[in-house]
Amino acid sequence: MKHTLKMVAVLVVVVAVLGMATQVYAQDPAKKLGRGLANILTGWVELPKNIYDTSVEENVLSGLTMGLAKGIGMTIVRTGAGVYEAVTFPFPIPEDYMPVLEPEFVFSE
């Protein structure tokens, strides 16, 4: 019984140490996963954002045509990038968990 308790105590310590090391390593994969999930959930915001931005930069007609086209394209790209990052978050691809799309979030400048 005492031998079993010692083994359990050693196992708990080993798991705790490995858990702390994993948490330090997991900062970049966790950020990549968060970025991927954020882009999956907010990718649709590219549509109204591009319509608005193009309308302000050029004119309303351009916003409703070119802005709409850019918005549809960027919605697909941002959501796809989010899916890619969420699926590949455990792996350091691209190098050092860098974002595959710039800006990394829809509202980043």
N, C-alpha and C. Protein backbone atom coordinates (compact mmCIF):
# COMPACT_ATOMS: atom_id res chain seq x y z
N MET A 1 0.82 -1.19 0.00
CA MET A 1 0.00 0.00 0.00
C MET A 1 0.87 1.25 0.00
N LYS A 2 1.93 1.28 0.86
CA LYS A 2 2.81 2.44 0.91
C LYS A 2 3.57 2.60 -0.40
N HIS A 3 3.96 1.48 -1.00
CA HIS A 3 4.66 1.51 -2.28
C HIS A 3 3.77 2.12 -3.37
N THR A 4 2.51 1.77 -3.36
CA THR A 4 1.56 2.29 -4.34
C THR A 4 1.37 3.79 -4.16
N LEU A 5 1.28 4.26 -2.92
CA LEU A 5 1.12 5.69 -2.67
C LEU A 5 2.35 6.48 -3.13
N LYS A 6 3.55 5.89 -2.92
CA LYS A 6 4.77 6.56 -3.39
C LYS A 6 4.77 6.64 -4.92
N MET A 7 4.37 5.58 -5.57
CA MET A 7 4.33 5.57 -7.04
C MET A 7 3.33 6.61 -7.55
N VAL A 8 2.19 6.70 -6.90
CA VAL A 8 1.18 7.68 -7.30
C VAL A 8 1.72 9.10 -7.09
N ALA A 9 2.41 9.34 -5.98
CA ALA A 9 2.99 10.65 -5.71
C ALA A 9 4.03 11.02 -6.76
N VAL A 10 4.89 10.07 -7.12
CA VAL A 10 5.90 10.31 -8.15
C VAL A 10 5.22 10.60 -9.49
N LEU A 11 4.21 9.83 -9.81
CA LEU A 11 3.48 10.03 -11.06
C LEU A 11 2.82 11.41 -11.11
N VAL A 12 2.24 11.85 -10.01
CA VAL A 12 1.63 13.17 -9.94
C VAL A 12 2.66 14.27 -10.17
N VAL A 13 3.83 14.13 -9.55
CA VAL A 13 4.89 15.13 -9.71
C VAL A 13 5.36 15.16 -11.16
N VAL A 14 5.57 14.01 -11.77
CA VAL A 14 6.03 13.95 -13.15
C VAL A 14 5.00 14.59 -14.08
N VAL A 15 3.73 14.26 -13.89
CA VAL A 15 2.68 14.84 -14.73
C VAL A 15 2.61 16.36 -14.53
N ALA A 16 2.76 16.83 -13.30
CA ALA A 16 2.74 18.27 -13.02
C ALA A 16 3.89 18.98 -13.72
N VAL A 17 5.08 18.41 -13.66
CA VAL A 17 6.25 19.02 -14.31
C VAL A 17 6.05 19.04 -15.82
N LEU A 18 5.62 17.93 -16.38
CA LEU A 18 5.38 17.89 -17.82
C LEU A 18 4.26 18.84 -18.22
N GLY A 19 3.25 18.96 -17.38
CA GLY A 19 2.15 19.88 -17.65
C GLY A 19 2.61 21.32 -17.70
N MET A 20 3.51 21.70 -16.79
CA MET A 20 4.04 23.07 -16.81
C MET A 20 4.87 23.31 -18.06
N ALA A 21 5.66 22.34 -18.46
CA ALA A 21 6.47 22.49 -19.66
C ALA A 21 5.58 22.60 -20.89
N THR A 22 4.52 21.85 -20.94
CA THR A 22 3.59 21.91 -22.06
C THR A 22 2.90 23.26 -22.11
N GLN A 23 2.55 23.83 -20.97
CA GLN A 23 1.90 25.12 -20.96
C GLN A 23 2.81 26.21 -21.50
N VAL A 24 4.08 26.14 -21.19
CA VAL A 24 5.02 27.13 -21.71
C VAL A 24 5.12 26.98 -23.23
N TYR A 25 5.19 25.76 -23.72
CA TYR A 25 5.28 25.50 -25.15
C TYR A 25 3.97 25.83 -25.84
N ALA A 26 2.85 25.65 -25.15
CA ALA A 26 1.54 25.76 -25.78
C ALA A 26 1.09 27.19 -26.01
N GLN A 27 1.90 28.19 -25.65
CA GLN A 27 1.47 29.56 -25.86
C GLN A 27 1.30 29.87 -27.34
N ASP A 28 2.22 29.48 -28.18
CA ASP A 28 2.09 29.78 -29.60
C ASP A 28 1.02 28.95 -30.29
N PRO A 29 0.94 27.65 -30.05
CA PRO A 29 -0.16 26.89 -30.66
C PRO A 29 -1.53 27.39 -30.19
N ALA A 30 -1.63 27.78 -28.93
CA ALA A 30 -2.91 28.28 -28.42
C ALA A 30 -3.30 29.58 -29.12
N LYS A 31 -2.33 30.45 -29.35
CA LYS A 31 -2.62 31.70 -30.06
C LYS A 31 -3.05 31.39 -31.50
N LYS A 32 -2.39 30.41 -32.12
CA LYS A 32 -2.76 30.03 -33.48
C LYS A 32 -4.17 29.47 -33.52
N LEU A 33 -4.53 28.65 -32.54
CA LEU A 33 -5.88 28.11 -32.48
C LEU A 33 -6.89 29.23 -32.25
N GLY A 34 -6.59 30.14 -31.34
CA GLY A 34 -7.50 31.26 -31.08
C GLY A 34 -7.69 32.13 -32.31
N ARG A 35 -6.59 32.39 -33.02
CA ARG A 35 -6.66 33.18 -34.25
C ARG A 35 -7.51 32.46 -35.29
N GLY A 36 -7.32 31.15 -35.41
CA GLY A 36 -8.11 30.37 -36.37
C GLY A 36 -9.59 30.41 -36.04
N LEU A 37 -9.94 30.19 -34.78
CA LEU A 37 -11.35 30.22 -34.38
C LEU A 37 -11.95 31.61 -34.55
N ALA A 38 -11.18 32.64 -34.23
CA ALA A 38 -11.67 34.01 -34.42
C ALA A 38 -11.95 34.28 -35.89
N ASN A 39 -11.07 33.83 -36.77
CA ASN A 39 -11.28 34.08 -38.20
C ASN A 39 -12.42 33.24 -38.77
N ILE A 40 -12.65 32.06 -38.22
CA ILE A 40 -13.80 31.27 -38.64
C ILE A 40 -15.09 31.99 -38.26
N LEU A 41 -15.13 32.50 -37.03
CA LEU A 41 -16.35 33.13 -36.53
C LEU A 41 -16.59 34.53 -37.09
N THR A 42 -15.53 35.25 -37.44
CA THR A 42 -15.70 36.64 -37.90
C THR A 42 -15.37 36.83 -39.37
N GLY A 43 -15.10 35.77 -40.10
CA GLY A 43 -14.77 35.90 -41.52
C GLY A 43 -15.85 36.60 -42.32
N TRP A 44 -17.11 36.40 -41.95
CA TRP A 44 -18.22 37.03 -42.67
C TRP A 44 -18.20 38.55 -42.55
N VAL A 45 -17.52 39.09 -41.55
CA VAL A 45 -17.47 40.54 -41.36
C VAL A 45 -16.70 41.22 -42.50
N GLU A 46 -15.88 40.45 -43.22
CA GLU A 46 -15.16 41.00 -44.37
C GLU A 46 -16.13 41.58 -45.41
N LEU A 47 -17.31 41.01 -45.54
CA LEU A 47 -18.27 41.47 -46.56
C LEU A 47 -18.72 42.91 -46.30
N PRO A 48 -19.37 43.21 -45.18
CA PRO A 48 -19.76 44.61 -44.97
C PRO A 48 -18.57 45.55 -44.80
N LYS A 49 -17.47 45.05 -44.24
CA LYS A 49 -16.27 45.89 -44.04
C LYS A 49 -15.73 46.37 -45.38
N ASN A 50 -15.62 45.46 -46.35
CA ASN A 50 -15.08 45.84 -47.65
C ASN A 50 -16.04 46.73 -48.43
N ILE A 51 -17.33 46.51 -48.29
CA ILE A 51 -18.31 47.40 -48.93
C ILE A 51 -18.16 48.80 -48.36
N TYR A 52 -18.09 48.91 -47.04
CA TYR A 52 -17.96 50.21 -46.39
C TYR A 52 -16.64 50.89 -46.76
N ASP A 53 -15.53 50.15 -46.62
CA ASP A 53 -14.21 50.74 -46.90
C ASP A 53 -14.12 51.24 -48.34
N THR A 54 -14.60 50.46 -49.29
CA THR A 54 -14.55 50.87 -50.69
C THR A 54 -15.47 52.05 -50.94
N SER A 55 -16.62 52.08 -50.30
CA SER A 55 -17.54 53.22 -50.44
C SER A 55 -16.90 54.50 -49.93
N VAL A 56 -16.20 54.43 -48.81
CA VAL A 56 -15.56 55.61 -48.23
C VAL A 56 -14.38 56.05 -49.09
N GLU A 57 -13.57 55.09 -49.55
CA GLU A 57 -12.38 55.41 -50.33
C GLU A 57 -12.71 55.91 -51.73
N GLU A 58 -13.74 55.36 -52.35
CA GLU A 58 -14.07 55.72 -53.73
C GLU A 58 -15.45 56.37 -53.78
N ASN A 59 -16.49 55.57 -53.93
CA ASN A 59 -17.86 56.07 -53.93
C ASN A 59 -18.82 54.92 -53.64
N VAL A 60 -20.09 55.26 -53.46
CA VAL A 60 -21.07 54.25 -53.06
C VAL A 60 -21.23 53.18 -54.14
N LEU A 61 -21.25 53.56 -55.41
CA LEU A 61 -21.40 52.58 -56.49
C LEU A 61 -20.23 51.59 -56.49
N SER A 62 -19.02 52.10 -56.30
CA SER A 62 -17.86 51.21 -56.21
C SER A 62 -17.97 50.30 -55.00
N GLY A 63 -18.47 50.84 -53.90
CA GLY A 63 -18.64 50.03 -52.70
C GLY A 63 -19.61 48.89 -52.91
N LEU A 64 -20.71 49.19 -53.64
CA LEU A 64 -21.73 48.16 -53.87
C LEU A 64 -21.32 47.15 -54.94
N THR A 65 -20.31 47.47 -55.74
CA THR A 65 -19.88 46.53 -56.78
C THR A 65 -18.52 45.92 -56.42
N MET A 66 -17.48 46.76 -56.49
CA MET A 66 -16.13 46.26 -56.21
C MET A 66 -15.97 45.87 -54.74
N GLY A 67 -16.55 46.65 -53.84
CA GLY A 67 -16.48 46.33 -52.42
C GLY A 67 -17.18 45.01 -52.11
N LEU A 68 -18.31 44.79 -52.78
CA LEU A 68 -19.03 43.52 -52.61
C LEU A 68 -18.18 42.35 -53.10
N ALA A 69 -17.57 42.52 -54.28
CA ALA A 69 -16.73 41.45 -54.83
C ALA A 69 -15.54 41.17 -53.92
N LYS A 70 -14.86 42.25 -53.46
CA LYS A 70 -13.72 42.06 -52.54
C LYS A 70 -14.18 41.42 -51.24
N GLY A 71 -15.34 41.84 -50.75
CA GLY A 71 -15.87 41.30 -49.50
C GLY A 71 -16.15 39.81 -49.59
N ILE A 72 -16.76 39.39 -50.70
CA ILE A 72 -17.04 37.96 -50.89
C ILE A 72 -15.73 37.18 -50.94
N GLY A 73 -14.78 37.69 -51.70
CA GLY A 73 -13.48 37.01 -51.80
C GLY A 73 -12.77 36.93 -50.47
N MET A 74 -12.73 38.04 -49.74
CA MET A 74 -12.03 38.04 -48.45
C MET A 74 -12.76 37.22 -47.39
N THR A 75 -14.09 37.13 -47.49
CA THR A 75 -14.84 36.27 -46.57
C THR A 75 -14.38 34.82 -46.75
N ILE A 76 -14.27 34.40 -47.99
CA ILE A 76 -13.83 33.03 -48.28
C ILE A 76 -12.38 32.83 -47.82
N VAL A 77 -11.52 33.79 -48.13
CA VAL A 77 -10.10 33.67 -47.77
C VAL A 77 -9.91 33.64 -46.26
N ARG A 78 -10.55 34.59 -45.54
CA ARG A 78 -10.36 34.68 -44.09
C ARG A 78 -10.93 33.45 -43.39
N THR A 79 -12.11 33.01 -43.80
CA THR A 79 -12.71 31.83 -43.17
C THR A 79 -11.86 30.58 -43.47
N GLY A 80 -11.38 30.47 -44.70
CA GLY A 80 -10.51 29.35 -45.06
C GLY A 80 -9.21 29.36 -44.28
N ALA A 81 -8.62 30.54 -44.11
CA ALA A 81 -7.40 30.65 -43.31
C ALA A 81 -7.67 30.26 -41.86
N GLY A 82 -8.84 30.63 -41.35
CA GLY A 82 -9.21 30.25 -39.99
C GLY A 82 -9.34 28.75 -39.83
N VAL A 83 -9.97 28.11 -40.80
CA VAL A 83 -10.11 26.64 -40.76
C VAL A 83 -8.72 26.00 -40.80
N TYR A 84 -7.87 26.49 -41.70
CA TYR A 84 -6.51 25.94 -41.82
C TYR A 84 -5.75 26.08 -40.50
N GLU A 85 -5.82 27.26 -39.88
CA GLU A 85 -5.07 27.47 -38.64
C GLU A 85 -5.65 26.66 -37.49
N ALA A 86 -6.97 26.52 -37.44
CA ALA A 86 -7.58 25.73 -36.37
C ALA A 86 -7.22 24.25 -36.50
N VAL A 87 -7.15 23.76 -37.73
CA VAL A 87 -6.83 22.34 -37.94
C VAL A 87 -5.35 22.06 -37.71
N THR A 88 -4.49 23.01 -38.09
CA THR A 88 -3.04 22.78 -38.00
C THR A 88 -2.40 23.43 -36.77
N PHE A 89 -3.20 23.87 -35.79
CA PHE A 89 -2.64 24.61 -34.66
C PHE A 89 -1.55 23.88 -33.89
N PRO A 90 -1.53 22.54 -33.80
CA PRO A 90 -0.45 21.90 -33.03
C PRO A 90 0.91 21.95 -33.73
N PHE A 91 0.91 22.27 -35.01
CA PHE A 91 2.14 22.19 -35.79
C PHE A 91 2.68 23.59 -36.09
N PRO A 92 3.99 23.80 -36.00
CA PRO A 92 4.56 25.14 -36.25
C PRO A 92 4.68 25.47 -37.74
N ILE A 93 3.56 25.37 -38.45
CA ILE A 93 3.53 25.74 -39.87
C ILE A 93 2.49 26.83 -40.06
N PRO A 94 2.78 27.93 -40.68
CA PRO A 94 4.09 28.38 -41.10
C PRO A 94 5.04 28.49 -39.90
N GLU A 95 6.30 28.74 -40.21
CA GLU A 95 7.34 28.75 -39.19
C GLU A 95 6.96 29.64 -38.00
N ASP A 96 7.18 29.12 -36.80
CA ASP A 96 6.92 29.83 -35.55
C ASP A 96 5.46 30.23 -35.37
N TYR A 97 4.55 29.48 -35.96
CA TYR A 97 3.11 29.71 -35.80
C TYR A 97 2.67 31.08 -36.32
N MET A 98 3.37 31.62 -37.30
CA MET A 98 3.02 32.93 -37.86
C MET A 98 1.67 32.84 -38.56
N PRO A 99 0.93 33.95 -38.62
CA PRO A 99 -0.37 33.93 -39.29
C PRO A 99 -0.22 33.69 -40.79
N VAL A 100 -1.17 33.01 -41.39
CA VAL A 100 -1.14 32.77 -42.83
C VAL A 100 -1.76 33.93 -43.58
N LEU A 101 -2.40 34.84 -42.86
CA LEU A 101 -3.09 35.96 -43.49
C LEU A 101 -2.78 37.24 -42.72
N GLU A 102 -2.46 38.30 -43.44
CA GLU A 102 -2.23 39.61 -42.81
C GLU A 102 -3.28 40.57 -43.31
N PRO A 103 -3.90 41.36 -42.46
CA PRO A 103 -3.79 41.34 -41.02
C PRO A 103 -4.36 40.06 -40.46
N GLU A 104 -3.89 39.68 -39.29
CA GLU A 104 -4.27 38.37 -38.74
C GLU A 104 -5.72 38.30 -38.27
N PHE A 105 -6.35 39.44 -37.99
CA PHE A 105 -7.76 39.48 -37.60
C PHE A 105 -8.49 40.48 -38.50
N VAL A 106 -9.79 40.30 -38.65
CA VAL A 106 -10.56 41.14 -39.56
C VAL A 106 -10.50 42.62 -39.19
N PHE A 107 -10.41 42.94 -37.91
CA PHE A 107 -10.40 44.35 -37.49
C PHE A 107 -9.01 44.91 -37.26
N SER A 108 -7.97 44.11 -37.51
CA SER A 108 -6.59 44.61 -37.38
C SER A 108 -6.26 45.48 -38.58
N GLU A 109 -5.41 46.45 -38.34
CA GLU A 109 -4.99 47.33 -39.45
C GLU A 109 -3.60 46.99 -39.88
